[in-house]
């Protein structure tokens, strides 16, 4: 049970309470210093007038000091502000978004750059073989060899090839398997060297590729046997239904969007144009994605969120100001590294997370303003002898209750 998804979600929510927002940390430190100061001021209000007032009445000044102490009690701040952040984390959880700490709720409000992976984030990562072409070697000879090689990989494109081959390769032995990141697979199958990957792999292995293959827009898996071109498969991925809605929502929040992908630039450009993404980069290896985010972070005005789902996205998730992982399809490494997890795999939830962060921050500052405003007014009245203990109790317990009710309000908001 400890390794189940439910247990991990519960652990993440519990751990979220240990990561405090800066506002929350400040209020705790403030209360630690503020409380003893107020106690000494209360004693001063009782004792000092003895030396300054002609008709000093101890009970009168003690009563004023007690009113001052009750008004000054920081309960409204100490209780309502953490509760505001808990409310934000709870509202996000209800929307299928897990924040690993209240500090990330604050950070979400400052994001002005969202960088997204393509496959599995904006697309469904459900690839289907669209077209198969053979050259000098018949398809029924090279396809089973390629499928046997691809069966050793967990990449979504490899799974599409395996599914298309329909298990006609189960008895084929694969040796000396090598996965070349961002390029494809190399291995020995039935005593033959088999290559399955993109144009970059063929160029690396000095396999001649005609110009027609280089101009194909779709994702392509080229197969070569003993350094001789055998054939290729074109594969297409489906864009998620709410991806365009997600990009439009981010633009409405004045957030710039960038897409990074290992797919070739032509495929990436097509997806970016359809979705309306500001900038798109293809043909990237995992380390290239890190470099692109590092360039964005060089501008100190940029607060960068990266959204990804794969194990190769983990370094970029760790580097970004806010790492957002797709929790349904995402790898364990991505989920562990990320600061925010979208359980439903819907990219439209990115904008929802920003909106929840802004709503939470707004409520927290409303509570700070309410608590300080009422306390200052009643303190002035109390110092002049105009406020009674009833007003003092309202300034403390009443304001605390109002602040708590305001904090709970976020649970009823629709995002």
Protein backbone atom coordinates (compact mmCIF):
# COMPACT_ATOMS: atom_id res chain seq x y z
CA UNK A 1 0.00 0.00 0.00
CA UNK A 2 2.88 2.40 0.79
CA UNK A 3 3.93 2.28 -2.88
CA UNK A 4 0.42 2.87 -4.26
CA UNK A 5 -0.62 6.08 -6.02
CA UNK A 6 -3.09 6.91 -3.23
CA UNK A 7 -0.42 6.61 -0.52
CA UNK A 8 1.94 8.82 -2.51
CA UNK A 9 -0.79 11.46 -3.01
CA UNK A 10 -1.56 11.49 0.74
CA UNK A 11 2.15 11.82 1.55
CA UNK A 12 2.52 14.73 -0.88
CA UNK A 13 -0.45 16.56 0.66
CA UNK A 14 0.89 16.00 4.20
CA UNK A 15 4.39 17.12 3.23
CA UNK A 16 2.92 20.25 1.66
CA UNK A 17 2.24 21.65 5.14
CA UNK A 18 5.99 21.69 5.90
CA UNK A 19 6.86 23.98 2.99
CA UNK A 20 5.69 27.41 4.09
CA UNK A 21 5.07 30.45 1.93
CA UNK A 22 7.17 33.56 2.68
CA UNK A 23 4.10 35.39 4.01
CA UNK A 24 3.37 32.50 6.36
CA UNK A 25 6.99 32.32 7.55
CA UNK A 26 7.05 36.09 8.15
CA UNK A 27 3.84 36.02 10.23
CA UNK A 28 5.24 33.21 12.42
CA UNK A 29 8.48 35.13 13.01
CA UNK A 30 6.52 38.35 13.52
CA UNK A 31 4.27 36.72 16.16
CA UNK A 32 7.34 35.39 18.01
CA UNK A 33 8.79 38.91 18.38
CA UNK A 34 5.50 40.81 18.54
CA UNK A 35 3.92 38.89 21.44
CA UNK A 36 6.55 39.62 24.18
CA UNK A 37 6.70 43.29 23.06
CA UNK A 38 2.93 43.61 23.45
CA UNK A 39 3.03 41.99 26.93
CA UNK A 40 5.62 44.52 28.11
CA UNK A 41 3.60 47.38 26.60
CA UNK A 42 0.56 46.12 28.53
CA UNK A 43 2.56 46.20 31.76
CA UNK A 44 3.75 49.70 30.81
CA UNK A 45 0.16 50.92 30.28
CA UNK A 46 -0.65 49.73 33.83
CA UNK A 47 2.45 51.06 35.64
CA UNK A 48 3.80 54.14 33.76
CA UNK A 49 0.66 56.36 34.26
CA UNK A 50 1.31 56.11 38.05
CA UNK A 51 4.25 58.50 37.54
CA UNK A 52 2.52 60.78 35.01
CA UNK A 53 -1.17 61.07 36.04
CA UNK A 54 -2.38 62.98 39.12
CA UNK A 55 -5.53 60.97 39.79
CA UNK A 56 -4.09 57.52 39.09
CA UNK A 57 -6.59 54.68 39.57
CA UNK A 58 -4.95 51.27 39.30
CA UNK A 59 -8.14 49.40 38.23
CA UNK A 60 -8.82 51.84 35.38
CA UNK A 61 -5.33 51.50 33.86
CA UNK A 62 -5.26 47.73 34.45
CA UNK A 63 -8.57 47.47 32.55
CA UNK A 64 -7.12 49.54 29.69
CA UNK A 65 -4.02 47.32 29.66
CA UNK A 66 -6.19 44.18 29.49
CA UNK A 67 -8.17 45.68 26.60
CA UNK A 68 -4.87 46.48 24.88
CA UNK A 69 -3.61 42.90 25.38
CA UNK A 70 -6.81 41.33 24.07
CA UNK A 71 -6.82 43.59 21.01
CA UNK A 72 -3.14 42.96 20.35
CA UNK A 73 -3.43 39.16 20.40
CA UNK A 74 -2.15 37.97 16.95
CA UNK A 75 -4.60 35.03 16.72
CA UNK A 76 -6.32 36.34 13.57
CA UNK A 77 -3.00 36.46 11.73
CA UNK A 78 -1.42 33.29 13.10
CA UNK A 79 -4.55 31.18 12.47
CA UNK A 80 -6.10 32.64 9.32
CA UNK A 81 -2.99 32.99 7.12
CA UNK A 82 -1.86 29.33 7.30
CA UNK A 83 -5.54 28.38 6.94
CA UNK A 84 -5.71 30.50 3.76
CA UNK A 85 -2.83 28.50 2.26
CA UNK A 86 -4.32 25.20 3.45
CA UNK A 87 -7.56 26.27 1.77
CA UNK A 88 -5.66 26.95 -1.45
CA UNK A 89 -3.93 23.55 -1.35
CA UNK A 90 -7.32 21.91 -0.64
CA UNK A 91 -9.07 23.76 -3.48
CA UNK A 92 -6.27 22.75 -5.85
CA UNK A 93 -6.47 19.10 -4.71
CA UNK A 94 -10.20 19.14 -5.43
CA UNK A 95 -9.38 20.36 -8.95
CA UNK A 96 -6.89 17.52 -9.44
CA UNK A 97 -3.79 19.65 -8.76
CA UNK A 98 -1.33 18.80 -5.99
CA UNK A 99 0.90 21.55 -4.60
CA UNK A 100 3.90 20.27 -2.65
CA UNK A 101 3.93 23.39 -0.46
CA UNK A 102 2.22 26.73 0.11
CA UNK A 103 5.36 28.50 -1.16
CA UNK A 104 4.51 27.22 -4.66
CA UNK A 105 1.05 28.82 -4.43
CA UNK A 106 2.87 32.16 -4.06
CA UNK A 107 5.31 31.36 -6.88
CA UNK A 108 2.47 30.47 -9.27
CA UNK A 109 1.21 34.05 -9.08
CA UNK A 110 4.56 35.36 -10.40
CA UNK A 111 4.95 33.02 -13.39
CA UNK A 112 5.33 34.85 -16.72
CA UNK A 113 6.93 32.06 -18.80
CA UNK A 114 5.51 28.54 -19.19
CA UNK A 115 7.72 26.05 -21.01
CA UNK A 116 6.01 22.82 -22.06
CA UNK A 117 7.15 19.45 -23.30
CA UNK A 118 5.13 18.26 -26.31
CA UNK A 119 4.69 14.49 -26.09
CA UNK A 120 2.53 13.46 -23.14
CA UNK A 121 1.95 17.04 -22.04
CA UNK A 122 0.24 18.76 -24.98
CA UNK A 123 -0.34 15.51 -26.89
CA UNK A 124 -1.79 12.20 -25.72
CA UNK A 125 1.42 10.21 -26.30
CA UNK A 126 -0.76 7.63 -28.06
CA UNK A 127 1.08 7.09 -31.32
CA UNK A 128 -0.33 5.24 -34.30
CA UNK A 129 1.48 4.02 -37.41
CA UNK A 130 0.10 5.94 -40.39
CA UNK A 131 2.18 4.69 -43.30
CA UNK A 132 4.79 1.98 -44.00
CA UNK A 133 7.18 2.03 -46.98
CA UNK A 134 9.79 -0.54 -47.99
CA UNK A 135 12.89 -0.28 -50.18
CA UNK A 136 15.00 -3.25 -51.36
CA UNK A 137 14.00 -5.51 -48.44
CA UNK A 138 10.35 -6.74 -48.20
CA UNK A 139 8.27 -5.40 -45.30
CA UNK A 140 7.60 -8.87 -43.82
CA UNK A 141 11.39 -9.31 -43.42
CA UNK A 142 12.49 -5.99 -41.91
CA UNK A 143 9.40 -5.03 -39.85
CA UNK A 144 9.59 -8.03 -37.41
CA UNK A 145 13.30 -7.29 -36.83
CA UNK A 146 12.57 -3.61 -36.16
CA UNK A 147 9.63 -4.50 -33.87
CA UNK A 148 11.81 -6.93 -31.87
CA UNK A 149 14.29 -4.10 -31.34
CA UNK A 150 11.60 -1.52 -30.47
CA UNK A 151 10.02 -3.95 -27.98
CA UNK A 152 13.04 -3.34 -25.73
CA UNK A 153 12.18 0.37 -25.44
CA UNK A 154 9.45 2.09 -23.39
CA UNK A 155 9.27 5.11 -25.71
CA UNK A 156 5.70 5.82 -26.98
CA UNK A 157 6.91 5.73 -30.61
CA UNK A 158 8.50 2.31 -30.03
CA UNK A 159 5.23 1.04 -28.54
CA UNK A 160 3.37 2.15 -31.69
CA UNK A 161 5.73 0.12 -33.88
CA UNK A 162 5.37 -2.93 -31.61
CA UNK A 163 1.58 -2.66 -31.67
CA UNK A 164 1.55 -2.37 -35.46
CA UNK A 165 3.77 -5.47 -35.84
CA UNK A 166 1.07 -7.44 -33.96
CA UNK A 167 3.43 -9.73 -32.03
CA UNK A 168 4.99 -11.32 -35.13
CA UNK A 169 8.44 -11.02 -33.55
CA UNK A 170 8.08 -12.75 -30.17
CA UNK A 171 10.65 -15.45 -30.90
CA UNK A 172 13.29 -13.13 -32.32
CA UNK A 173 16.42 -12.70 -30.18
CA UNK A 174 17.89 -9.22 -29.65
CA UNK A 175 21.50 -8.76 -28.50
CA UNK A 176 23.87 -5.84 -27.92
CA UNK A 177 20.98 -3.39 -27.55
CA UNK A 178 21.98 0.26 -27.40
CA UNK A 179 19.57 3.16 -26.93
CA UNK A 180 21.00 6.39 -28.34
CA UNK A 181 19.19 9.29 -26.68
CA UNK A 182 17.31 11.51 -29.12
CA UNK A 183 18.27 9.27 -32.05
CA UNK A 184 16.86 5.74 -31.74
CA UNK A 185 17.93 2.12 -31.18
CA UNK A 186 20.77 -0.06 -32.35
CA UNK A 187 21.04 -3.81 -31.81
CA UNK A 188 21.93 -7.21 -33.18
CA UNK A 189 18.82 -9.13 -34.31
CA UNK A 190 19.14 -12.63 -35.74
CA UNK A 191 22.81 -11.94 -36.37
CA UNK A 192 22.12 -8.71 -38.30
CA UNK A 193 22.81 -5.16 -37.21
CA UNK A 194 19.47 -3.35 -37.04
CA UNK A 195 19.04 0.41 -36.69
CA UNK A 196 15.64 1.97 -35.92
CA UNK A 197 15.38 5.70 -35.39
CA UNK A 198 15.32 9.13 -36.97
CA UNK A 199 17.37 10.75 -39.74
CA UNK A 200 19.99 11.84 -37.16
CA UNK A 201 20.64 8.17 -36.27
CA UNK A 202 21.13 7.27 -39.94
CA UNK A 203 23.53 10.19 -40.41
CA UNK A 204 25.45 9.15 -37.31
CA UNK A 205 25.77 5.57 -38.57
CA UNK A 206 26.67 6.71 -42.11
CA UNK A 207 23.54 5.17 -43.67
CA UNK A 208 22.62 7.02 -46.90
CA UNK A 209 19.17 8.66 -46.65
CA UNK A 210 17.39 10.23 -49.62
CA UNK A 211 16.10 13.81 -49.51
CA UNK A 212 12.49 12.62 -49.63
CA UNK A 213 12.78 11.11 -46.15
CA UNK A 214 14.22 14.36 -44.78
CA UNK A 215 11.19 16.36 -45.94
CA UNK A 216 8.51 14.13 -44.31
CA UNK A 217 6.70 16.24 -41.70
CA UNK A 218 5.33 13.43 -39.48
CA UNK A 219 7.38 11.58 -36.88
CA UNK A 220 9.32 8.91 -38.75
CA UNK A 221 11.09 5.68 -37.75
CA UNK A 222 13.66 4.69 -40.37
CA UNK A 223 14.93 1.10 -40.33
CA UNK A 224 18.31 0.01 -41.67
CA UNK A 225 19.69 -3.55 -41.74
CA UNK A 226 23.45 -4.01 -41.95
CA UNK A 227 23.76 -0.28 -42.78
CA UNK A 228 21.38 -0.62 -45.72
CA UNK A 229 18.07 1.26 -45.81
CA UNK A 230 15.17 -1.20 -45.40
CA UNK A 231 12.09 1.00 -45.00
CA UNK A 232 10.33 3.46 -42.74
CA UNK A 233 7.13 4.03 -40.75
CA UNK A 234 5.41 7.39 -40.29
CA UNK A 235 3.78 7.85 -36.91
CA UNK A 236 1.38 10.52 -35.67
CA UNK A 237 0.41 11.62 -32.18
CA UNK A 238 -2.95 13.15 -31.22
CA UNK A 239 -3.18 16.58 -29.58
CA UNK A 240 -5.12 16.65 -26.28
CA UNK A 241 -8.61 18.16 -26.49
CA UNK A 242 -7.86 20.99 -24.05
CA UNK A 243 -4.32 21.88 -25.20
CA UNK A 244 -5.46 24.89 -27.27
CA UNK A 245 -7.71 26.00 -24.43
CA UNK A 246 -4.69 25.75 -22.09
CA UNK A 247 -2.49 27.95 -24.29
CA UNK A 248 -5.29 30.51 -24.80
CA UNK A 249 -5.92 30.67 -21.03
CA UNK A 250 -2.21 31.26 -20.35
CA UNK A 251 -2.10 34.08 -22.91
CA UNK A 252 -5.10 35.72 -21.19
CA UNK A 253 -3.05 35.68 -17.98
CA UNK A 254 -0.19 37.43 -19.88
CA UNK A 255 1.99 34.33 -19.70
CA UNK A 256 4.30 33.59 -22.63
CA UNK A 257 4.46 29.99 -23.86
CA UNK A 258 7.33 27.92 -25.23
CA UNK A 259 7.29 24.30 -26.43
CA UNK A 260 10.32 22.00 -26.33
CA UNK A 261 10.43 18.58 -27.99
CA UNK A 262 12.75 15.86 -29.19
CA UNK A 263 10.58 15.55 -32.32
CA UNK A 264 11.80 17.10 -35.53
CA UNK A 265 11.25 20.80 -36.02
CA UNK A 266 8.62 20.40 -38.79
CA UNK A 267 6.33 18.37 -36.47
CA UNK A 268 6.89 20.79 -33.59
CA UNK A 269 6.15 23.82 -35.79
CA UNK A 270 2.84 22.30 -36.97
CA UNK A 271 1.68 21.65 -33.38
CA UNK A 272 2.84 25.11 -32.21
CA UNK A 273 1.02 26.85 -35.08
CA UNK A 274 -2.23 24.99 -34.35
CA UNK A 275 -2.08 25.70 -30.60
CA UNK A 276 -0.85 29.32 -30.92
CA UNK A 277 2.35 28.76 -28.89
CA UNK A 278 4.76 31.72 -28.94
CA UNK A 279 8.03 29.81 -29.47
CA UNK A 280 8.73 26.17 -30.36
CA UNK A 281 11.99 24.23 -30.52
CA UNK A 282 12.41 20.72 -31.92
CA UNK A 283 15.24 18.19 -32.39
CA UNK A 284 16.20 18.61 -28.73
CA UNK A 285 18.00 16.15 -26.47
CA UNK A 286 17.26 16.27 -22.69
CA UNK A 287 20.37 18.43 -22.10
CA UNK A 288 19.24 20.85 -24.85
CA UNK A 289 15.95 21.37 -22.97
CA UNK A 290 17.95 22.30 -19.87
CA UNK A 291 19.95 24.82 -21.93
CA UNK A 292 16.78 26.46 -23.30
CA UNK A 293 15.38 26.93 -19.78
CA UNK A 294 18.74 28.24 -18.53
CA UNK A 295 18.64 30.91 -21.27
CA UNK A 296 15.16 32.00 -20.13
CA UNK A 297 16.29 32.11 -16.49
CA UNK A 298 19.20 34.43 -17.33
CA UNK A 299 16.63 37.23 -17.49
CA UNK A 300 15.93 37.91 -13.81
CA UNK A 301 12.47 39.24 -14.72
CA UNK A 302 11.39 35.77 -15.89
CA UNK A 303 9.70 33.35 -13.48
CA UNK A 304 9.72 30.08 -15.38
CA UNK A 305 7.43 27.07 -14.99
CA UNK A 306 8.24 23.88 -16.87
CA UNK A 307 5.56 21.28 -17.60
CA UNK A 308 6.60 17.73 -18.48
CA UNK A 309 5.86 14.08 -17.89
CA UNK A 310 8.86 11.91 -18.78
CA UNK A 311 11.95 10.79 -16.90
CA UNK A 312 14.03 12.89 -19.33
CA UNK A 313 12.09 15.98 -18.14
CA UNK A 314 13.24 15.56 -14.52
CA UNK A 315 16.39 17.74 -14.87
CA UNK A 316 14.39 20.62 -16.41
CA UNK A 317 11.65 20.26 -13.76
CA UNK A 318 14.32 20.62 -11.07
CA UNK A 319 15.94 23.63 -12.79
CA UNK A 320 12.75 25.67 -13.35
CA UNK A 321 11.29 28.01 -10.72
CA UNK A 322 8.15 25.85 -10.63
CA UNK A 323 8.22 22.30 -11.98
CA UNK A 324 4.81 20.96 -13.03
CA UNK A 325 4.42 17.24 -13.78
CA UNK A 326 1.60 15.37 -15.47
CA UNK A 327 0.78 12.84 -12.75
CA UNK A 328 -1.37 10.34 -14.66
CA UNK A 329 1.00 9.42 -17.48
CA UNK A 330 4.10 10.91 -15.87
CA UNK A 331 7.14 8.94 -14.75
CA UNK A 332 7.94 8.55 -11.05
CA UNK A 333 11.11 10.63 -11.51
CA UNK A 334 9.13 13.55 -12.97
CA UNK A 335 6.49 13.36 -10.21
CA UNK A 336 9.11 13.21 -7.44
CA UNK A 337 11.09 16.15 -8.89
CA UNK A 338 8.11 18.41 -9.65
CA UNK A 339 6.70 21.05 -7.29
CA UNK A 340 3.14 20.82 -8.65
CA UNK A 341 1.43 17.70 -10.01
CA UNK A 342 -1.56 17.70 -12.37
CA UNK A 343 -3.32 14.43 -11.61
CA UNK A 344 -5.74 14.60 -14.55
CA UNK A 345 -3.05 15.15 -17.24
CA UNK A 346 -5.06 18.11 -18.58
CA UNK A 347 -2.79 21.01 -19.65
CA UNK A 348 -5.69 23.44 -19.05
CA UNK A 349 -5.06 22.88 -15.33
CA UNK A 350 -1.83 24.93 -15.62
CA UNK A 351 -3.87 28.14 -15.87
CA UNK A 352 -6.20 26.82 -13.13
CA UNK A 353 -3.19 26.37 -10.82
CA UNK A 354 -2.13 29.99 -11.47
CA UNK A 355 -5.68 31.21 -10.78
CA UNK A 356 -5.84 29.24 -7.51
CA UNK A 357 -2.48 30.71 -6.49
CA UNK A 358 -3.72 34.24 -7.19
CA UNK A 359 -7.02 33.66 -5.35
CA UNK A 360 -5.15 32.25 -2.32
CA UNK A 361 -2.72 35.19 -2.20
CA UNK A 362 -5.62 37.65 -2.49
CA UNK A 363 -7.45 36.03 0.44
CA UNK A 364 -4.29 35.92 2.58
CA UNK A 365 -3.68 39.66 2.06
CA UNK A 366 -7.36 40.43 2.71
CA UNK A 367 -6.99 38.69 6.07
CA UNK A 368 -3.78 40.59 6.88
CA UNK A 369 -5.45 43.90 6.01
CA UNK A 370 -8.62 43.05 7.98
CA UNK A 371 -6.72 41.94 11.08
CA UNK A 372 -4.31 44.87 11.18
CA UNK A 373 -6.94 47.46 10.19
CA UNK A 374 -9.48 46.56 12.89
CA UNK A 375 -6.79 46.09 15.55
CA UNK A 376 -5.19 49.49 14.90
CA UNK A 377 -8.58 51.27 15.09
CA UNK A 378 -9.64 49.53 18.32
CA UNK A 379 -6.13 49.97 19.83
CA UNK A 380 -6.38 53.73 19.33
CA UNK A 381 -9.87 53.75 20.86
CA UNK A 382 -8.64 51.56 23.74
CA UNK A 383 -5.66 53.80 24.47
CA UNK A 384 -8.04 56.77 24.71
CA UNK A 385 -10.38 54.84 27.00
CA UNK A 386 -13.17 54.78 24.38
CA UNK A 387 -13.10 51.00 23.68
CA UNK A 388 -14.49 48.48 26.16
CA UNK A 389 -13.68 44.80 26.53
CA UNK A 390 -16.52 44.00 24.09
CA UNK A 391 -14.77 45.88 21.28
CA UNK A 392 -11.48 44.24 22.28
CA UNK A 393 -13.00 40.75 22.10
CA UNK A 394 -14.41 41.54 18.65
CA UNK A 395 -11.01 42.86 17.49
CA UNK A 396 -9.46 39.56 18.57
CA UNK A 397 -11.91 36.64 18.39
CA UNK A 398 -14.39 38.32 16.04
CA UNK A 399 -11.75 39.29 13.49
CA UNK A 400 -10.16 35.83 13.78
CA UNK A 401 -13.55 34.23 13.00
CA UNK A 402 -14.13 36.57 10.05
CA UNK A 403 -10.64 35.83 8.72
CA UNK A 404 -11.19 32.07 9.08
CA UNK A 405 -14.51 32.30 7.23
CA UNK A 406 -12.80 34.33 4.51
CA UNK A 407 -10.05 31.70 4.24
CA UNK A 408 -12.58 28.87 3.96
CA UNK A 409 -14.31 30.79 1.15
CA UNK A 410 -11.69 29.61 -1.35
CA UNK A 411 -13.06 26.07 -1.02
CA UNK A 412 -16.33 27.25 -2.56
CA UNK A 413 -14.76 29.10 -5.47
CA UNK A 414 -15.04 27.64 -8.95
CA UNK A 415 -11.84 27.43 -10.98
